[in-house]
Amino acid sequence: MTLTLSVEDVKEKIRAVPNFPKEGIIFRDITTGIKDAQTMKFMIDYLCDQYKDEKIDYIAGIESRGFIFGMPMAYRMNCGFIPIRKPNKLPAKTISESYSLEYGTDTIEIHADAIEQGANVLVVDDLLATGGTAKAACSLIKKAGGNLIGAAFLIELNDLEGRKKLNDCGKVISMLQY
């Protein structure tokens, strides 16, 4: 028996947790979707299919939930995986990109030798919210010499308008919009 899912079926699997991590926030919990094998497979297949006509050398997954989607995507698309990490998590020489938060700044890093000049890279994460981290990841890929193909997300929070920050990040897609 072949089970056929839709994007709406996946959306129903994502749990909404009110007031997390603080009052007034609705947290979109992917764990209820990825625990179901068919839903998880549909998520990965959907994200991969959006870039099936592109030549991709690397998937760059943003720590940590970008790893959840990025690794199986890299496997399916027969390309390498590059972890984009928080500072001081990678053992060799790194390059970094800092970005603004509501209060302060944050930084992400990749190994300095992670990307060959001109390699085609797709950035992947679970959520596009304000776009700060994704924009920094795209800038980091370019700084490392990569050719940015795009950025893929499972979920996009439309009211936060993060997509507006990603105009120079290639083909930006999200599977679910809230």
C-alpha atoms as a PDB file:
ATOM      1  CA  MET A   1       0.000   0.000   0.000  1.00  0.00           C
ATOM      2  CA  THR A   2       1.397   3.395  -0.998  1.00  0.00           C
ATOM      3  CA  LEU A   3       0.446   6.278   1.241  1.00  0.00           C
ATOM      4  CA  THR A   4       0.255   9.648  -0.512  1.00  0.00           C
ATOM      5  CA  LEU A   5       0.627  12.719   1.659  1.00  0.00           C
ATOM      6  CA  SER A   6       0.083  16.380   0.901  1.00  0.00           C
ATOM      7  CA  VAL A   7       1.590  19.567   2.264  1.00  0.00           C
ATOM      8  CA  GLU A   8      -1.620  20.047   4.272  1.00  0.00           C
ATOM      9  CA  ASP A   9      -1.177  16.563   5.799  1.00  0.00           C
ATOM     10  CA  VAL A  10       2.305  17.592   6.920  1.00  0.00           C
ATOM     11  CA  LYS A  11       1.014  20.874   8.341  1.00  0.00           C
ATOM     12  CA  GLU A  12      -1.457  18.910  10.474  1.00  0.00           C
ATOM     13  CA  LYS A  13       1.477  16.931  11.938  1.00  0.00           C
ATOM     14  CA  ILE A  14       3.285  20.056  13.178  1.00  0.00           C
ATOM     15  CA  ARG A  15       2.372  20.720  16.799  1.00  0.00           C
ATOM     16  CA  ALA A  16       1.661  24.303  17.877  1.00  0.00           C
ATOM     17  CA  VAL A  17       2.979  24.953  21.393  1.00  0.00           C
ATOM     18  CA  PRO A  18       1.573  28.196  22.835  1.00  0.00           C
ATOM     19  CA  ASN A  19       3.699  30.493  25.010  1.00  0.00           C
ATOM     20  CA  PHE A  20       7.034  28.809  24.235  1.00  0.00           C
ATOM     21  CA  PRO A  21       9.794  29.867  24.647  1.00  0.00           C
ATOM     22  CA  LYS A  22       8.016  32.922  26.101  1.00  0.00           C
ATOM     23  CA  GLU A  23       4.538  34.351  26.557  1.00  0.00           C
ATOM     24  CA  GLY A  24       2.786  35.244  23.294  1.00  0.00           C
ATOM     25  CA  ILE A  25       4.907  33.002  21.036  1.00  0.00           C
ATOM     26  CA  ILE A  26       3.447  29.996  19.213  1.00  0.00           C
ATOM     27  CA  PHE A  27       6.273  27.494  18.730  1.00  0.00           C
ATOM     28  CA  ARG A  28       5.966  25.280  15.644  1.00  0.00           C
ATOM     29  CA  ASP A  29       7.277  21.903  16.823  1.00  0.00           C
ATOM     30  CA  ILE A  30       8.692  19.757  14.007  1.00  0.00           C
ATOM     31  CA  THR A  31       9.305  16.746  16.273  1.00  0.00           C
ATOM     32  CA  THR A  32       5.700  15.601  15.859  1.00  0.00           C
ATOM     33  CA  GLY A  33       6.238  15.532  12.090  1.00  0.00           C
ATOM     34  CA  ILE A  34       9.656  13.897  11.961  1.00  0.00           C
ATOM     35  CA  LYS A  35       8.679  11.095  14.342  1.00  0.00           C
ATOM     36  CA  ASP A  36       6.317   9.778  11.659  1.00  0.00           C
ATOM     37  CA  ALA A  37       8.370   7.994   8.982  1.00  0.00           C
ATOM     38  CA  GLN A  38       6.038   8.790   6.075  1.00  0.00           C
ATOM     39  CA  THR A  39       5.732  12.448   7.027  1.00  0.00           C
ATOM     40  CA  MET A  40       9.483  12.811   7.467  1.00  0.00           C
ATOM     41  CA  LYS A  41      10.080  11.185   4.084  1.00  0.00           C
ATOM     42  CA  PHE A  42       7.564  13.520   2.451  1.00  0.00           C
ATOM     43  CA  MET A  43       9.277  16.558   4.037  1.00  0.00           C
ATOM     44  CA  ILE A  44      12.714  15.541   2.746  1.00  0.00           C
ATOM     45  CA  ASP A  45      11.411  14.582  -0.699  1.00  0.00           C
ATOM     46  CA  TYR A  46       9.496  17.853  -1.006  1.00  0.00           C
ATOM     47  CA  LEU A  47      12.524  19.988  -0.138  1.00  0.00           C
ATOM     48  CA  CYS A  48      14.780  18.019  -2.488  1.00  0.00           C
ATOM     49  CA  ASP A  49      12.279  18.169  -5.341  1.00  0.00           C
ATOM     50  CA  GLN A  50      12.286  21.980  -5.246  1.00  0.00           C
ATOM     51  CA  TYR A  51      15.935  21.913  -6.408  1.00  0.00           C
ATOM     52  CA  LYS A  52      15.928  18.798  -8.604  1.00  0.00           C
ATOM     53  CA  ASP A  53      16.966  20.781 -11.686  1.00  0.00           C
ATOM     54  CA  GLU A  54      19.913  22.455  -9.943  1.00  0.00           C
ATOM     55  CA  LYS A  55      23.440  21.104  -9.700  1.00  0.00           C
ATOM     56  CA  ILE A  56      24.216  21.112  -5.996  1.00  0.00           C
ATOM     57  CA  ASP A  57      27.624  20.171  -4.617  1.00  0.00           C
ATOM     58  CA  TYR A  58      26.842  20.780  -0.932  1.00  0.00           C
ATOM     59  CA  ILE A  59      23.959  21.166   1.445  1.00  0.00           C
ATOM     60  CA  ALA A  60      24.907  23.569   4.248  1.00  0.00           C
ATOM     61  CA  GLY A  61      22.733  22.879   7.296  1.00  0.00           C
ATOM     62  CA  ILE A  62      22.342  25.509  10.005  1.00  0.00           C
ATOM     63  CA  GLU A  63      22.804  24.226  13.558  1.00  0.00           C
ATOM     64  CA  SER A  64      20.976  22.374  14.823  1.00  0.00           C
ATOM     65  CA  ARG A  65      17.676  21.594  13.162  1.00  0.00           C
ATOM     66  CA  GLY A  66      19.142  22.334   9.743  1.00  0.00           C
ATOM     67  CA  PHE A  67      21.181  19.179  10.343  1.00  0.00           C
ATOM     68  CA  ILE A  68      17.960  17.145  10.698  1.00  0.00           C
ATOM     69  CA  PHE A  69      16.857  18.051   7.177  1.00  0.00           C
ATOM     70  CA  GLY A  70      20.209  18.777   5.547  1.00  0.00           C
ATOM     71  CA  MET A  71      21.855  15.388   6.041  1.00  0.00           C
ATOM     72  CA  PRO A  72      19.096  13.270   4.464  1.00  0.00           C
ATOM     73  CA  MET A  73      18.753  15.844   1.681  1.00  0.00           C
ATOM     74  CA  ALA A  74      22.481  15.598   0.955  1.00  0.00           C
ATOM     75  CA  TYR A  75      22.220  11.803   0.918  1.00  0.00           C
ATOM     76  CA  ARG A  76      19.242  11.857  -1.462  1.00  0.00           C
ATOM     77  CA  MET A  77      20.784  14.509  -3.726  1.00  0.00           C
ATOM     78  CA  ASN A  78      24.161  12.740  -3.779  1.00  0.00           C
ATOM     79  CA  CYS A  79      26.136  15.713  -2.508  1.00  0.00           C
ATOM     80  CA  GLY A  80      28.234  16.611   0.499  1.00  0.00           C
ATOM     81  CA  PHE A  81      27.053  18.151   3.762  1.00  0.00           C
ATOM     82  CA  ILE A  82      28.563  21.174   5.485  1.00  0.00           C
ATOM     83  CA  PRO A  83      27.595  21.968   9.083  1.00  0.00           C
ATOM     84  CA  ILE A  84      27.111  25.659   9.888  1.00  0.00           C
ATOM     85  CA  ARG A  85      27.861  25.812  13.602  1.00  0.00           C
ATOM     86  CA  LYS A  86      27.802  28.161  16.538  1.00  0.00           C
ATOM     87  CA  PRO A  87      31.235  29.529  17.549  1.00  0.00           C
ATOM     88  CA  ASN A  88      33.921  27.244  18.958  1.00  0.00           C
ATOM     89  CA  LYS A  89      32.238  23.999  17.871  1.00  0.00           C
ATOM     90  CA  LEU A  90      34.411  23.205  14.837  1.00  0.00           C
ATOM     91  CA  PRO A  91      37.936  21.854  15.447  1.00  0.00           C
ATOM     92  CA  ALA A  92      39.882  23.317  12.499  1.00  0.00           C
ATOM     93  CA  LYS A  93      40.352  26.854  11.180  1.00  0.00           C
ATOM     94  CA  THR A  94      37.000  28.580  10.610  1.00  0.00           C
ATOM     95  CA  ILE A  95      35.491  31.585   8.930  1.00  0.00           C
ATOM     96  CA  SER A  96      32.602  33.344  10.609  1.00  0.00           C
ATOM     97  CA  GLU A  97      29.725  35.702  10.013  1.00  0.00           C
ATOM     98  CA  SER A  98      28.062  37.782  12.717  1.00  0.00           C
ATOM     99  CA  TYR A  99      24.510  39.066  12.590  1.00  0.00           C
ATOM    100  CA  SER A 100      22.149  41.191  14.652  1.00  0.00           C
ATOM    101  CA  LEU A 101      19.582  39.851  17.048  1.00  0.00           C
ATOM    102  CA  GLU A 102      16.810  41.746  18.784  1.00  0.00           C
ATOM    103  CA  TYR A 103      19.225  42.356  21.665  1.00  0.00           C
ATOM    104  CA  GLY A 104      22.854  41.934  20.632  1.00  0.00           C
ATOM    105  CA  THR A 105      24.598  39.820  18.028  1.00  0.00           C
ATOM    106  CA  ASP A 106      25.339  36.198  17.275  1.00  0.00           C
ATOM    107  CA  THR A 107      27.861  34.418  15.072  1.00  0.00           C
ATOM    108  CA  ILE A 108      27.952  31.290  12.923  1.00  0.00           C
ATOM    109  CA  GLU A 109      30.973  29.484  11.461  1.00  0.00           C
ATOM    110  CA  ILE A 110      32.105  26.918   8.916  1.00  0.00           C
ATOM    111  CA  HIS A 111      35.500  25.346   8.360  1.00  0.00           C
ATOM    112  CA  ALA A 112      37.674  27.591   6.205  1.00  0.00           C
ATOM    113  CA  ASP A 113      38.286  24.703   3.780  1.00  0.00           C
ATOM    114  CA  ALA A 114      34.649  23.503   3.654  1.00  0.00           C
ATOM    115  CA  ILE A 115      33.812  24.852   0.189  1.00  0.00           C
ATOM    116  CA  GLU A 116      35.844  24.804  -2.998  1.00  0.00           C
ATOM    117  CA  GLN A 117      35.778  28.049  -4.988  1.00  0.00           C
ATOM    118  CA  GLY A 118      32.607  28.120  -7.119  1.00  0.00           C
ATOM    119  CA  ALA A 119      30.983  25.029  -5.595  1.00  0.00           C
ATOM    120  CA  ASN A 120      27.170  25.131  -5.678  1.00  0.00           C
ATOM    121  CA  VAL A 121      25.672  25.289  -2.179  1.00  0.00           C
ATOM    122  CA  LEU A 122      22.109  25.086  -0.854  1.00  0.00           C
ATOM    123  CA  VAL A 123      21.473  26.403   2.677  1.00  0.00           C
ATOM    124  CA  VAL A 124      18.919  24.412   4.712  1.00  0.00           C
ATOM    125  CA  ASP A 125      17.180  25.064   8.024  1.00  0.00           C
ATOM    126  CA  ASP A 126      13.892  24.107   9.641  1.00  0.00           C
ATOM    127  CA  LEU A 127      12.510  27.609  10.134  1.00  0.00           C
ATOM    128  CA  LEU A 128      12.616  31.010   8.448  1.00  0.00           C
ATOM    129  CA  ALA A 129      11.549  33.618  10.999  1.00  0.00           C
ATOM    130  CA  THR A 130      13.185  37.060  10.998  1.00  0.00           C
ATOM    131  CA  GLY A 131      15.806  35.910   8.479  1.00  0.00           C
ATOM    132  CA  GLY A 132      18.894  37.002  10.417  1.00  0.00           C
ATOM    133  CA  THR A 133      20.514  33.601  10.756  1.00  0.00           C
ATOM    134  CA  ALA A 134      19.636  32.572   7.202  1.00  0.00           C
ATOM    135  CA  LYS A 135      21.019  35.826   5.784  1.00  0.00           C
ATOM    136  CA  ALA A 136      24.234  35.309   7.753  1.00  0.00           C
ATOM    137  CA  ALA A 137      24.483  31.715   6.465  1.00  0.00           C
ATOM    138  CA  CYS A 138      24.072  32.901   2.875  1.00  0.00           C
ATOM    139  CA  SER A 139      26.752  35.563   3.397  1.00  0.00           C
ATOM    140  CA  LEU A 140      29.049  32.972   4.966  1.00  0.00           C
ATOM    141  CA  ILE A 141      28.716  30.662   1.952  1.00  0.00           C
ATOM    142  CA  LYS A 142      29.611  33.517  -0.388  1.00  0.00           C
ATOM    143  CA  LYS A 143      32.515  34.593   1.833  1.00  0.00           C
ATOM    144  CA  ALA A 144      33.851  31.020   1.636  1.00  0.00           C
ATOM    145  CA  GLY A 145      33.787  31.156  -2.174  1.00  0.00           C
ATOM    146  CA  GLY A 146      30.602  29.172  -2.729  1.00  0.00           C
ATOM    147  CA  ASN A 147      27.994  29.778  -5.389  1.00  0.00           C
ATOM    148  CA  LEU A 148      24.754  30.116  -3.451  1.00  0.00           C
ATOM    149  CA  ILE A 149      21.936  28.200  -5.175  1.00  0.00           C
ATOM    150  CA  GLY A 150      19.288  29.005  -2.608  1.00  0.00           C
ATOM    151  CA  ALA A 151      17.877  28.499   0.861  1.00  0.00           C
ATOM    152  CA  ALA A 152      15.268  25.885   1.812  1.00  0.00           C
ATOM    153  CA  PHE A 153      13.123  25.817   4.926  1.00  0.00           C
ATOM    154  CA  LEU A 154      10.445  23.500   6.218  1.00  0.00           C
ATOM    155  CA  ILE A 155       8.507  26.345   7.886  1.00  0.00           C
ATOM    156  CA  GLU A 156       8.222  30.073   7.204  1.00  0.00           C
ATOM    157  CA  LEU A 157       6.608  32.532   9.620  1.00  0.00           C
ATOM    158  CA  ASN A 158       5.227  35.038   7.117  1.00  0.00           C
ATOM    159  CA  ASP A 159       4.405  37.822   9.608  1.00  0.00           C
ATOM    160  CA  LEU A 160       8.092  38.164  10.527  1.00  0.00           C
ATOM    161  CA  GLU A 161       9.028  38.901   6.885  1.00  0.00           C
ATOM    162  CA  GLY A 162      12.373  37.088   7.006  1.00  0.00           C
ATOM    163  CA  ARG A 163      12.220  36.331   3.286  1.00  0.00           C
ATOM    164  CA  LYS A 164      12.773  40.038   2.558  1.00  0.00           C
ATOM    165  CA  LYS A 165      16.328  39.701   3.928  1.00  0.00           C
ATOM    166  CA  LEU A 166      17.118  36.867   1.511  1.00  0.00           C
ATOM    167  CA  ASN A 167      16.816  38.696  -1.826  1.00  0.00           C
ATOM    168  CA  ASP A 168      20.395  37.810  -2.799  1.00  0.00           C
ATOM    169  CA  CYS A 169      20.265  34.214  -1.547  1.00  0.00           C
ATOM    170  CA  GLY A 170      19.113  32.468  -4.725  1.00  0.00           C
ATOM    171  CA  LYS A 171      15.923  30.389  -4.880  1.00  0.00           C
ATOM    172  CA  VAL A 172      14.245  30.577  -1.459  1.00  0.00           C
ATOM    173  CA  ILE A 173      11.495  28.064  -0.687  1.00  0.00           C
ATOM    174  CA  SER A 174       9.497  26.981   2.323  1.00  0.00           C
ATOM    175  CA  MET A 175       7.155  24.021   2.537  1.00  0.00           C
ATOM    176  CA  LEU A 176       4.774  25.340   5.194  1.00  0.00           C
ATOM    177  CA  GLN A 177       3.724  28.923   5.846  1.00  0.00           C
ATOM    178  CA  TYR A 178       2.189  30.240   9.024  1.00  0.00           C
END
